[in-house]
Structure formats: C-alpha cells, structure tokens
Amino acid sequence: MQQTIDCFELARAGGELRGAYPLGQLQRLASMLAGRDGALVWRLRGWREYAADGLARDFMALSVVATVQMACVRCTGPVSVEIQVDRAYRLVRSEAEAERLDLADHEYDVLAGSCRFDLAGLIEDEVILALPAMPRHECCELPGAEAAAAVEARDAAASCPAPPGRTRPFAVLERLGNDAQNTDMIED
C-alpha cells in the first residue's frame, strides 16, 4: 500500500498512479463506518502547465470510488453508501502559499506539495468529506416503532386515560379544548 509520493515528480513526469486501500487500514474512516469490508479504489494523475510568465504550475487530479456501510440514522441498521470523489488540486511549495492562493483559485483546491506527500491521508480525508451527514435507507422504521404504534392504537381504541405511570403530554390541551366547546358565548 503506497502511503507517500513525490507529487512534484508525478506532475513533472505527467504520471498516473492507481491502487486500492482496504477500509480496515484507514482508521479514521473505519471508525465512522458500520463495517470495514471493502476498499477505496483510487486513481491519481499529475501534470504540469506553463503560465505566460514561463513559470511551471503543477497539478494533480484524484478520483476515488467505493461502497461503504454506514449506520442508518433512522433504524441504525447498515445502509450501503456509494462514494464518488473527483477533485483537482494545484500544488504549491508551502502552506503559507497554499493559504494565500486558495482564496483566489476557484477552479482548483490548492495543496502544499512535497517529495513525501501523504497520499493515503489525502484519500482518506476526501472520502470522509464525501460521506453523507445523515445516511438512511429509502424506507425504514424507527427502532421500536412497531411497539409504539401498538401502544398508540390500544390507547386510541380504549378511549381511556393513560395507564398509571404513563403521562399523556397533550391531555391538558384536550381538556382545554373540551372546556371551550362547553362554554356559552355571551353576546352584547
């Protein structure tokens, strides 16, 4: 598993790298998932362009695809999530330069490159950012929804007060509504 690369050499050579990282080996990402089976399949391509002033500018493009299992926010069961990342980066020599240029460059994300660039960290970061905040199935029930529906149906059918120890939060409003219907209106 390739962890680091010389990103400036990749751009200068116009090279391309491909690979896969098992989900279980990416600890930060794996901690957010319901399962560690599967892999992130990635492709990284580098290139160099020359500006009008003759200076070289280095770039990289990253593509990542994967299917991961996350916990559904409704039923807490595993749900499959398709991940597709396509990002392009402009490489610079320092963090200060990256910060300065990132606000001005709307086409590319600006990264501080190096000869020992953490490729695995970049891929893991991009996939984490691509995860949905609230993964869920198209159709699913809340945990315990069947039991809650049965209790509600029983209470509605019985038309009686809630069993001892169980509060009915809208009972006061119900009484107020009934009292309002029983009041005579006085007209002048």
N, C-alpha and C. Protein backbone atom coordinates (compact mmCIF):
# COMPACT_ATOMS: atom_id res chain seq x y z
N MET A 1 0.86 -1.18 0.00
CA MET A 1 0.00 0.00 0.00
C MET A 1 0.89 1.24 0.00
N GLN A 2 0.80 2.02 -1.05
CA GLN A 2 1.63 3.21 -1.19
C GLN A 2 1.08 4.32 -0.29
N GLN A 3 1.91 4.80 0.64
CA GLN A 3 1.49 5.81 1.59
C GLN A 3 1.91 7.22 1.17
N THR A 4 3.12 7.37 0.69
CA THR A 4 3.63 8.70 0.33
C THR A 4 4.11 8.71 -1.11
N ILE A 5 4.06 9.91 -1.71
CA ILE A 5 4.52 10.09 -3.08
C ILE A 5 5.29 11.41 -3.18
N ASP A 6 6.06 11.54 -4.23
CA ASP A 6 6.67 12.82 -4.59
C ASP A 6 5.72 13.46 -5.60
N CYS A 7 4.86 14.33 -5.12
CA CYS A 7 3.81 14.86 -6.00
C CYS A 7 4.36 15.79 -7.08
N PHE A 8 5.47 16.47 -6.79
CA PHE A 8 6.05 17.34 -7.83
C PHE A 8 6.66 16.51 -8.96
N GLU A 9 7.25 15.39 -8.63
CA GLU A 9 7.80 14.49 -9.66
C GLU A 9 6.66 13.87 -10.48
N LEU A 10 5.57 13.51 -9.82
CA LEU A 10 4.40 12.97 -10.52
C LEU A 10 3.88 13.99 -11.53
N ALA A 11 3.80 15.26 -11.13
CA ALA A 11 3.31 16.31 -12.03
C ALA A 11 4.31 16.55 -13.17
N ARG A 12 5.60 16.63 -12.85
CA ARG A 12 6.63 16.89 -13.87
C ARG A 12 6.62 15.80 -14.92
N ALA A 13 6.47 14.55 -14.50
CA ALA A 13 6.51 13.41 -15.42
C ALA A 13 5.17 13.18 -16.11
N GLY A 14 4.11 13.86 -15.66
CA GLY A 14 2.79 13.60 -16.23
C GLY A 14 2.34 12.18 -15.91
N GLY A 15 2.69 11.71 -14.73
CA GLY A 15 2.43 10.33 -14.35
C GLY A 15 1.03 10.07 -13.81
N GLU A 16 0.76 8.79 -13.66
CA GLU A 16 -0.53 8.34 -13.12
C GLU A 16 -0.29 7.17 -12.19
N LEU A 17 -0.97 7.18 -11.05
CA LEU A 17 -0.90 6.10 -10.08
C LEU A 17 -2.30 5.57 -9.85
N ARG A 18 -2.39 4.27 -9.59
CA ARG A 18 -3.67 3.63 -9.29
C ARG A 18 -3.47 2.68 -8.13
N GLY A 19 -4.55 2.44 -7.41
CA GLY A 19 -4.44 1.49 -6.32
C GLY A 19 -5.75 1.34 -5.57
N ALA A 20 -5.67 0.61 -4.47
CA ALA A 20 -6.83 0.40 -3.60
C ALA A 20 -6.33 0.34 -2.17
N TYR A 21 -7.10 0.96 -1.27
CA TYR A 21 -6.80 0.90 0.16
C TYR A 21 -7.93 0.15 0.85
N PRO A 22 -7.63 -0.94 1.57
CA PRO A 22 -8.66 -1.64 2.33
C PRO A 22 -9.23 -0.70 3.41
N LEU A 23 -10.54 -0.71 3.58
CA LEU A 23 -11.18 0.17 4.55
C LEU A 23 -10.66 -0.04 5.97
N GLY A 24 -10.35 -1.27 6.32
CA GLY A 24 -9.87 -1.57 7.66
C GLY A 24 -8.53 -0.95 7.98
N GLN A 25 -7.76 -0.54 6.97
CA GLN A 25 -6.44 0.05 7.21
C GLN A 25 -6.50 1.58 7.35
N LEU A 26 -7.65 2.16 7.10
CA LEU A 26 -7.82 3.61 7.23
C LEU A 26 -8.62 3.87 8.51
N GLN A 27 -7.92 4.04 9.62
CA GLN A 27 -8.53 4.03 10.94
C GLN A 27 -9.58 5.12 11.15
N ARG A 28 -9.30 6.35 10.73
CA ARG A 28 -10.27 7.44 10.93
C ARG A 28 -11.56 7.16 10.17
N LEU A 29 -11.44 6.74 8.94
CA LEU A 29 -12.62 6.42 8.12
C LEU A 29 -13.35 5.21 8.68
N ALA A 30 -12.62 4.16 9.01
CA ALA A 30 -13.23 2.93 9.51
C ALA A 30 -14.04 3.18 10.78
N SER A 31 -13.62 4.13 11.60
CA SER A 31 -14.35 4.42 12.84
C SER A 31 -15.72 5.05 12.57
N MET A 32 -15.97 5.54 11.36
CA MET A 32 -17.23 6.17 11.01
C MET A 32 -18.17 5.21 10.28
N LEU A 33 -17.72 4.00 10.05
CA LEU A 33 -18.48 3.05 9.24
C LEU A 33 -19.09 1.94 10.10
N ALA A 34 -20.12 1.31 9.55
CA ALA A 34 -20.77 0.18 10.23
C ALA A 34 -20.01 -1.12 9.95
N GLY A 35 -19.18 -1.14 8.94
CA GLY A 35 -18.39 -2.33 8.59
C GLY A 35 -17.08 -1.93 7.96
N ARG A 36 -16.10 -2.80 8.04
CA ARG A 36 -14.77 -2.50 7.50
C ARG A 36 -14.47 -3.29 6.23
N ASP A 37 -15.46 -3.96 5.68
CA ASP A 37 -15.25 -4.73 4.46
C ASP A 37 -15.21 -3.80 3.26
N GLY A 38 -14.39 -4.14 2.29
CA GLY A 38 -14.32 -3.36 1.06
C GLY A 38 -13.05 -2.54 0.98
N ALA A 39 -12.96 -1.75 -0.08
CA ALA A 39 -11.75 -0.96 -0.34
C ALA A 39 -12.11 0.31 -1.08
N LEU A 40 -11.23 1.29 -0.94
CA LEU A 40 -11.32 2.52 -1.73
C LEU A 40 -10.46 2.31 -2.96
N VAL A 41 -11.03 2.43 -4.13
CA VAL A 41 -10.26 2.30 -5.38
C VAL A 41 -9.97 3.72 -5.86
N TRP A 42 -8.70 4.02 -6.08
CA TRP A 42 -8.31 5.38 -6.41
C TRP A 42 -7.40 5.45 -7.64
N ARG A 43 -7.40 6.66 -8.21
CA ARG A 43 -6.54 6.96 -9.36
C ARG A 43 -6.06 8.40 -9.17
N LEU A 44 -4.76 8.62 -9.32
CA LEU A 44 -4.17 9.95 -9.17
C LEU A 44 -3.34 10.26 -10.41
N ARG A 45 -3.62 11.39 -11.02
CA ARG A 45 -2.92 11.80 -12.23
C ARG A 45 -2.28 13.16 -11.99
N GLY A 46 -1.04 13.33 -12.44
CA GLY A 46 -0.33 14.60 -12.29
C GLY A 46 0.00 15.20 -13.65
N TRP A 47 0.10 16.53 -13.69
CA TRP A 47 0.52 17.21 -14.91
C TRP A 47 1.09 18.58 -14.57
N ARG A 48 1.82 19.13 -15.53
CA ARG A 48 2.46 20.44 -15.38
C ARG A 48 2.01 21.33 -16.52
N GLU A 49 1.69 22.58 -16.19
CA GLU A 49 1.34 23.60 -17.18
C GLU A 49 2.29 24.77 -17.00
N TYR A 50 2.56 25.47 -18.12
CA TYR A 50 3.42 26.65 -18.06
C TYR A 50 2.57 27.89 -18.28
N ALA A 51 2.74 28.86 -17.39
CA ALA A 51 2.00 30.11 -17.48
C ALA A 51 2.67 31.03 -18.50
N ALA A 52 2.02 32.13 -18.81
CA ALA A 52 2.55 33.10 -19.78
C ALA A 52 3.90 33.67 -19.32
N ASP A 53 4.10 33.72 -18.01
CA ASP A 53 5.37 34.25 -17.49
C ASP A 53 6.49 33.19 -17.50
N GLY A 54 6.20 31.99 -18.01
CA GLY A 54 7.20 30.95 -18.13
C GLY A 54 7.34 30.06 -16.90
N LEU A 55 6.63 30.39 -15.83
CA LEU A 55 6.73 29.58 -14.62
C LEU A 55 5.86 28.33 -14.73
N ALA A 56 6.39 27.24 -14.19
CA ALA A 56 5.66 25.97 -14.21
C ALA A 56 4.66 25.93 -13.06
N ARG A 57 3.49 25.38 -13.34
CA ARG A 57 2.48 25.15 -12.31
C ARG A 57 2.13 23.67 -12.34
N ASP A 58 2.15 23.05 -11.16
CA ASP A 58 1.91 21.62 -11.05
C ASP A 58 0.51 21.35 -10.53
N PHE A 59 -0.08 20.25 -11.06
CA PHE A 59 -1.45 19.90 -10.72
C PHE A 59 -1.58 18.39 -10.50
N MET A 60 -2.62 18.02 -9.76
CA MET A 60 -2.99 16.61 -9.59
C MET A 60 -4.51 16.51 -9.65
N ALA A 61 -4.99 15.37 -10.13
CA ALA A 61 -6.43 15.08 -10.13
C ALA A 61 -6.62 13.72 -9.46
N LEU A 62 -7.52 13.66 -8.51
CA LEU A 62 -7.78 12.45 -7.75
C LEU A 62 -9.20 11.97 -8.00
N SER A 63 -9.35 10.67 -8.23
CA SER A 63 -10.66 10.02 -8.35
C SER A 63 -10.68 8.86 -7.37
N VAL A 64 -11.76 8.74 -6.61
CA VAL A 64 -11.92 7.65 -5.66
C VAL A 64 -13.34 7.13 -5.79
N VAL A 65 -13.50 5.81 -5.82
CA VAL A 65 -14.83 5.19 -5.80
C VAL A 65 -14.82 4.10 -4.73
N ALA A 66 -15.97 3.95 -4.08
CA ALA A 66 -16.11 2.92 -3.06
C ALA A 66 -17.57 2.77 -2.70
N THR A 67 -17.89 1.63 -2.13
CA THR A 67 -19.18 1.41 -1.50
C THR A 67 -18.88 1.07 -0.05
N VAL A 68 -19.42 1.86 0.86
CA VAL A 68 -19.18 1.65 2.29
C VAL A 68 -20.50 1.40 3.00
N GLN A 69 -20.41 0.80 4.17
CA GLN A 69 -21.58 0.53 5.01
C GLN A 69 -21.57 1.53 6.17
N MET A 70 -22.66 2.29 6.30
CA MET A 70 -22.81 3.21 7.42
C MET A 70 -24.07 2.84 8.19
N ALA A 71 -24.21 3.37 9.39
CA ALA A 71 -25.40 3.11 10.20
C ALA A 71 -26.50 4.09 9.80
N CYS A 72 -27.68 3.57 9.50
CA CYS A 72 -28.84 4.39 9.15
C CYS A 72 -29.24 5.22 10.37
N VAL A 73 -29.52 6.51 10.17
CA VAL A 73 -29.89 7.37 11.29
C VAL A 73 -31.30 7.09 11.79
N ARG A 74 -32.12 6.41 11.03
CA ARG A 74 -33.49 6.09 11.46
C ARG A 74 -33.56 4.75 12.16
N CYS A 75 -33.07 3.70 11.52
CA CYS A 75 -33.24 2.35 12.08
C CYS A 75 -31.95 1.79 12.68
N THR A 76 -30.84 2.48 12.50
CA THR A 76 -29.49 2.09 12.95
C THR A 76 -28.95 0.84 12.26
N GLY A 77 -29.66 0.31 11.28
CA GLY A 77 -29.16 -0.83 10.51
C GLY A 77 -28.15 -0.37 9.47
N PRO A 78 -27.37 -1.29 8.92
CA PRO A 78 -26.38 -0.90 7.91
C PRO A 78 -27.05 -0.47 6.60
N VAL A 79 -26.52 0.59 6.02
CA VAL A 79 -27.01 1.09 4.74
C VAL A 79 -25.79 1.27 3.82
N SER A 80 -25.92 0.83 2.57
CA SER A 80 -24.83 0.99 1.60
C SER A 80 -24.79 2.41 1.08
N VAL A 81 -23.60 2.97 1.07
CA VAL A 81 -23.40 4.34 0.59
C VAL A 81 -22.36 4.31 -0.51
N GLU A 82 -22.74 4.83 -1.68
CA GLU A 82 -21.81 4.91 -2.81
C GLU A 82 -21.00 6.21 -2.68
N ILE A 83 -19.69 6.09 -2.77
CA ILE A 83 -18.80 7.25 -2.68
C ILE A 83 -18.14 7.46 -4.04
N GLN A 84 -18.18 8.70 -4.51
CA GLN A 84 -17.51 9.08 -5.76
C GLN A 84 -16.85 10.43 -5.51
N VAL A 85 -15.54 10.46 -5.55
CA VAL A 85 -14.77 11.69 -5.34
C VAL A 85 -14.01 11.99 -6.61
N ASP A 86 -14.13 13.21 -7.10
CA ASP A 86 -13.34 13.71 -8.23
C ASP A 86 -12.87 15.11 -7.85
N ARG A 87 -11.59 15.24 -7.56
CA ARG A 87 -11.04 16.52 -7.12
C ARG A 87 -9.78 16.85 -7.91
N ALA A 88 -9.56 18.13 -8.13
CA ALA A 88 -8.34 18.59 -8.81
C ALA A 88 -7.64 19.58 -7.89
N TYR A 89 -6.31 19.50 -7.86
CA TYR A 89 -5.50 20.30 -6.95
C TYR A 89 -4.40 21.03 -7.70
N ARG A 90 -4.13 22.22 -7.27
CA ARG A 90 -2.93 22.94 -7.72
C ARG A 90 -1.91 22.79 -6.61
N LEU A 91 -0.70 22.39 -6.97
CA LEU A 91 0.35 22.15 -5.99
C LEU A 91 1.24 23.38 -5.84
N VAL A 92 1.54 23.72 -4.60
CA VAL A 92 2.46 24.82 -4.30
C VAL A 92 3.50 24.31 -3.31
N ARG A 93 4.51 25.13 -3.04
CA ARG A 93 5.65 24.69 -2.23
C ARG A 93 5.48 24.85 -0.72
N SER A 94 4.53 25.68 -0.25
CA SER A 94 4.41 25.90 1.20
C SER A 94 2.95 26.06 1.62
N GLU A 95 2.71 25.85 2.91
CA GLU A 95 1.36 26.04 3.48
C GLU A 95 0.94 27.50 3.37
N ALA A 96 1.87 28.43 3.59
CA ALA A 96 1.55 29.86 3.51
C ALA A 96 1.09 30.23 2.10
N GLU A 97 1.78 29.71 1.09
CA GLU A 97 1.39 29.98 -0.29
C GLU A 97 0.05 29.33 -0.61
N ALA A 98 -0.17 28.14 -0.09
CA ALA A 98 -1.45 27.45 -0.31
C ALA A 98 -2.59 28.25 0.29
N GLU A 99 -2.39 28.76 1.49
CA GLU A 99 -3.43 29.57 2.14
C GLU A 99 -3.73 30.82 1.34
N ARG A 100 -2.69 31.49 0.88
CA ARG A 100 -2.85 32.73 0.12
C ARG A 100 -3.56 32.49 -1.21
N LEU A 101 -3.20 31.44 -1.92
CA LEU A 101 -3.75 31.18 -3.25
C LEU A 101 -5.11 30.48 -3.22
N ASP A 102 -5.41 29.78 -2.13
CA ASP A 102 -6.66 29.01 -2.08
C ASP A 102 -7.89 29.90 -2.21
N LEU A 103 -7.83 31.09 -1.68
CA LEU A 103 -8.97 32.00 -1.79
C LEU A 103 -9.13 32.56 -3.19
N ALA A 104 -8.03 32.68 -3.91
CA ALA A 104 -8.07 33.27 -5.25
C ALA A 104 -8.39 32.26 -6.35
N ASP A 105 -8.06 30.98 -6.12
CA ASP A 105 -8.24 29.97 -7.16
C ASP A 105 -9.56 29.24 -6.95
N HIS A 106 -10.51 29.49 -7.84
CA HIS A 106 -11.84 28.88 -7.72
C HIS A 106 -11.97 27.59 -8.51
N GLU A 107 -10.99 27.29 -9.35
CA GLU A 107 -11.05 26.09 -10.17
C GLU A 107 -10.42 24.88 -9.48
N TYR A 108 -9.38 25.13 -8.69
CA TYR A 108 -8.63 24.05 -8.05
C TYR A 108 -8.54 24.29 -6.54
N ASP A 109 -8.47 23.18 -5.78
CA ASP A 109 -8.07 23.28 -4.38
C ASP A 109 -6.56 23.41 -4.39
N VAL A 110 -6.03 24.24 -3.53
CA VAL A 110 -4.59 24.46 -3.50
C VAL A 110 -3.99 23.66 -2.35
N LEU A 111 -2.99 22.83 -2.65
CA LEU A 111 -2.32 22.00 -1.66
C LEU A 111 -0.84 22.30 -1.61
N ALA A 112 -0.28 22.23 -0.41
CA ALA A 112 1.17 22.31 -0.26
C ALA A 112 1.72 20.92 -0.55
N GLY A 113 2.46 20.80 -1.63
CA GLY A 113 3.02 19.51 -2.02
C GLY A 113 4.36 19.28 -1.36
N SER A 114 4.88 18.07 -1.53
CA SER A 114 6.21 17.74 -1.01
C SER A 114 6.71 16.49 -1.70
N CYS A 115 7.97 16.16 -1.44
CA CYS A 115 8.53 14.94 -2.01
C CYS A 115 8.13 13.72 -1.18
N ARG A 116 7.52 13.94 -0.02
CA ARG A 116 6.98 12.84 0.80
C ARG A 116 5.53 13.19 1.18
N PHE A 117 4.70 13.36 0.17
CA PHE A 117 3.31 13.75 0.34
C PHE A 117 2.48 12.55 0.82
N ASP A 118 1.64 12.75 1.82
CA ASP A 118 0.82 11.68 2.41
C ASP A 118 -0.40 11.42 1.52
N LEU A 119 -0.25 10.52 0.58
CA LEU A 119 -1.32 10.18 -0.36
C LEU A 119 -2.47 9.48 0.35
N ALA A 120 -2.17 8.53 1.22
CA ALA A 120 -3.23 7.81 1.95
C ALA A 120 -4.05 8.78 2.79
N GLY A 121 -3.40 9.74 3.43
CA GLY A 121 -4.10 10.75 4.23
C GLY A 121 -5.02 11.61 3.39
N LEU A 122 -4.55 12.02 2.22
CA LEU A 122 -5.37 12.83 1.31
C LEU A 122 -6.61 12.06 0.87
N ILE A 123 -6.43 10.81 0.48
CA ILE A 123 -7.56 10.00 0.02
C ILE A 123 -8.56 9.78 1.16
N GLU A 124 -8.04 9.47 2.34
CA GLU A 124 -8.93 9.26 3.48
C GLU A 124 -9.70 10.54 3.82
N ASP A 125 -9.03 11.68 3.80
CA ASP A 125 -9.69 12.97 4.08
C ASP A 125 -10.81 13.24 3.08
N GLU A 126 -10.53 13.03 1.80
CA GLU A 126 -11.53 13.31 0.76
C GLU A 126 -12.75 12.40 0.90
N VAL A 127 -12.54 11.13 1.24
CA VAL A 127 -13.66 10.21 1.40
C VAL A 127 -14.47 10.58 2.64
N ILE A 128 -13.82 10.95 3.72
CA ILE A 128 -14.54 11.38 4.92
C ILE A 128 -15.41 12.58 4.61
N LEU A 129 -14.88 13.53 3.86
CA LEU A 129 -15.66 14.72 3.48
C LEU A 129 -16.84 14.37 2.57
N ALA A 130 -16.72 13.27 1.83
CA ALA A 130 -17.78 12.87 0.90
C ALA A 130 -18.88 12.05 1.57
N LEU A 131 -18.66 11.60 2.81
CA LEU A 131 -19.68 10.80 3.50
C LEU A 131 -20.91 11.65 3.78
N PRO A 132 -22.09 11.06 3.65
CA PRO A 132 -23.30 11.82 3.98
C PRO A 132 -23.38 12.05 5.49
N ALA A 133 -23.89 13.21 5.89
CA ALA A 133 -24.02 13.52 7.32
C ALA A 133 -25.06 12.65 7.99
N MET A 134 -26.11 12.31 7.26
CA MET A 134 -27.21 11.53 7.83
C MET A 134 -27.60 10.40 6.88
N PRO A 135 -26.82 9.32 6.85
CA PRO A 135 -27.15 8.21 5.94
C PRO A 135 -28.43 7.53 6.38
N ARG A 136 -29.27 7.15 5.40
CA ARG A 136 -30.51 6.46 5.75
C ARG A 136 -31.01 5.65 4.56
N HIS A 137 -31.81 4.65 4.88
CA HIS A 137 -32.46 3.84 3.86
C HIS A 137 -33.57 4.67 3.22
N GLU A 138 -34.00 4.26 2.04
CA GLU A 138 -35.14 4.92 1.39
C GLU A 138 -36.39 4.77 2.25
N CYS A 139 -36.61 3.58 2.75
CA CYS A 139 -37.78 3.29 3.60
C CYS A 139 -37.32 2.42 4.76
N CYS A 140 -37.55 2.89 5.96
CA CYS A 140 -37.28 2.07 7.14
C CYS A 140 -38.04 2.65 8.33
N GLU A 141 -38.19 1.87 9.35
CA GLU A 141 -38.91 2.26 10.55
C GLU A 141 -37.92 2.66 11.63
N LEU A 142 -38.33 3.53 12.54
CA LEU A 142 -37.52 3.84 13.70
C LEU A 142 -37.46 2.60 14.59
N PRO A 143 -36.37 2.42 15.34
CA PRO A 143 -36.32 1.27 16.24
C PRO A 143 -37.47 1.37 17.24
N GLY A 144 -38.19 0.28 17.44
CA GLY A 144 -39.30 0.27 18.39
C GLY A 144 -40.56 0.91 17.85
N ALA A 145 -40.61 1.25 16.57
CA ALA A 145 -41.78 1.92 16.00
C ALA A 145 -43.01 1.03 16.05
N GLU A 146 -42.83 -0.28 15.85
CA GLU A 146 -43.98 -1.19 15.90
C GLU A 146 -44.60 -1.20 17.29
N ALA A 147 -43.77 -1.24 18.33
CA ALA A 147 -44.28 -1.26 19.71
C ALA A 147 -44.99 0.05 20.03
N ALA A 148 -44.42 1.19 19.61
CA ALA A 148 -45.04 2.49 19.88
C ALA A 148 -46.38 2.60 19.15
N ALA A 149 -46.47 2.09 17.92
CA ALA A 149 -47.72 2.14 17.17
C ALA A 149 -48.78 1.27 17.83
N ALA A 150 -48.39 0.12 18.37
CA ALA A 150 -49.34 -0.75 19.05
C ALA A 150 -49.88 -0.09 20.31
N VAL A 151 -49.04 0.60 21.07
CA VAL A 151 -49.49 1.30 22.28
C VAL A 151 -50.44 2.42 21.92
N GLU A 152 -50.11 3.19 20.88
CA GLU A 152 -50.99 4.29 20.45
C GLU A 152 -52.34 3.75 19.99
N ALA A 153 -52.35 2.67 19.24
CA ALA A 153 -53.60 2.08 18.76
C ALA A 153 -54.43 1.58 19.93
N ARG A 154 -53.79 0.96 20.91
CA ARG A 154 -54.51 0.47 22.09
C ARG A 154 -55.13 1.63 22.86
N ASP A 155 -54.37 2.73 23.06
CA ASP A 155 -54.89 3.89 23.79
C ASP A 155 -56.04 4.54 23.04
N ALA A 156 -55.91 4.65 21.73
CA ALA A 156 -56.97 5.28 20.94
C ALA A 156 -58.24 4.43 20.95
N ALA A 157 -58.10 3.11 20.86
CA ALA A 157 -59.26 2.22 20.84
C ALA A 157 -59.96 2.20 22.20
N ALA A 158 -59.20 2.31 23.26
CA ALA A 158 -59.78 2.24 24.60
C ALA A 158 -60.42 3.56 25.00
N SER A 159 -60.01 4.66 24.40
CA SER A 159 -60.50 6.00 24.75
C SER A 159 -60.53 6.19 26.25
N CYS A 160 -59.49 5.79 26.88
CA CYS A 160 -59.41 5.95 28.32
C CYS A 160 -58.11 6.64 28.67
N PRO A 161 -58.00 7.12 29.89
CA PRO A 161 -56.76 7.77 30.28
C PRO A 161 -55.57 6.82 30.17
N ALA A 162 -54.42 7.39 30.11
CA ALA A 162 -53.20 6.59 30.01
C ALA A 162 -53.04 5.74 31.26
N PRO A 163 -52.39 4.59 31.13
CA PRO A 163 -52.16 3.75 32.28
C PRO A 163 -51.34 4.49 33.34
N PRO A 164 -51.47 4.10 34.61
CA PRO A 164 -50.70 4.76 35.66
C PRO A 164 -49.22 4.73 35.34
N GLY A 165 -48.55 5.83 35.61
CA GLY A 165 -47.12 5.92 35.34
C GLY A 165 -46.80 6.43 33.95
N ARG A 166 -47.77 6.49 33.07
CA ARG A 166 -47.53 6.99 31.71
C ARG A 166 -48.23 8.32 31.56
N THR A 167 -47.51 9.34 31.21
CA THR A 167 -48.10 10.66 31.05
C THR A 167 -48.58 10.84 29.63
N ARG A 168 -49.63 11.62 29.51
CA ARG A 168 -50.14 11.97 28.19
C ARG A 168 -49.86 13.46 28.02
N PRO A 169 -48.87 13.82 27.22
CA PRO A 169 -48.42 15.21 27.15
C PRO A 169 -49.48 16.20 26.66
N PHE A 170 -50.47 15.75 25.90
CA PHE A 170 -51.46 16.68 25.37
C PHE A 170 -52.80 16.58 26.11
N ALA A 171 -52.82 15.91 27.24
CA ALA A 171 -54.07 15.76 27.99
C ALA A 171 -54.61 17.11 28.45
N VAL A 172 -53.74 18.01 28.87
CA VAL A 172 -54.18 19.33 29.32
C VAL A 172 -54.81 20.09 28.16
N LEU A 173 -54.22 20.05 26.99
CA LEU A 173 -54.78 20.73 25.83
C LEU A 173 -56.13 20.13 25.45
N GLU A 174 -56.24 18.82 25.58
CA GLU A 174 -57.50 18.15 25.27
C GLU A 174 -58.61 18.65 26.19
N ARG A 175 -58.30 18.76 27.49
CA ARG A 175 -59.30 19.27 28.45
C ARG A 175 -59.67 20.71 28.14
N LEU A 176 -58.68 21.54 27.81
CA LEU A 176 -58.96 22.94 27.48
C LEU A 176 -59.87 23.04 26.27
N GLY A 177 -59.61 22.20 25.27
CA GLY A 177 -60.45 22.19 24.07
C GLY A 177 -61.88 21.79 24.39
N ASN A 178 -62.05 20.79 25.24
CA ASN A 178 -63.39 20.35 25.63
C ASN A 178 -64.10 21.43 26.44
N ASP A 179 -63.37 22.10 27.33
CA ASP A 179 -63.97 23.17 28.12
C ASP A 179 -64.42 24.32 27.25
N ALA A 180 -63.64 24.65 26.23
CA ALA A 180 -64.01 25.77 25.34
C ALA A 180 -65.27 25.46 24.57
N GLN A 181 -65.50 24.20 24.22
CA GLN A 181 -66.71 23.83 23.47
C GLN A 181 -67.92 23.88 24.37
N ASN A 182 -67.75 23.71 25.64
CA ASN A 182 -68.89 23.68 26.57
C ASN A 182 -69.24 25.06 27.13
N THR A 183 -68.56 26.10 26.76
CA THR A 183 -68.84 27.44 27.27
C THR A 183 -69.85 28.13 26.37
N ASP A 184 -70.77 28.82 27.00
CA ASP A 184 -71.75 29.62 26.25
C ASP A 184 -71.15 30.97 25.94
N MET A 185 -71.36 31.44 24.75
CA MET A 185 -70.84 32.76 24.39
C MET A 185 -71.90 33.79 24.75
N ILE A 186 -71.45 34.88 25.34
CA ILE A 186 -72.34 35.96 25.73
C ILE A 186 -72.24 37.05 24.68
N GLU A 187 -73.37 37.42 24.13
CA GLU A 187 -73.38 38.47 23.12
C GLU A 187 -73.93 39.75 23.71
N ASP A 188 -73.45 40.89 23.31
CA ASP A 188 -73.95 42.19 23.79
C ASP A 188 -75.19 42.58 23.06
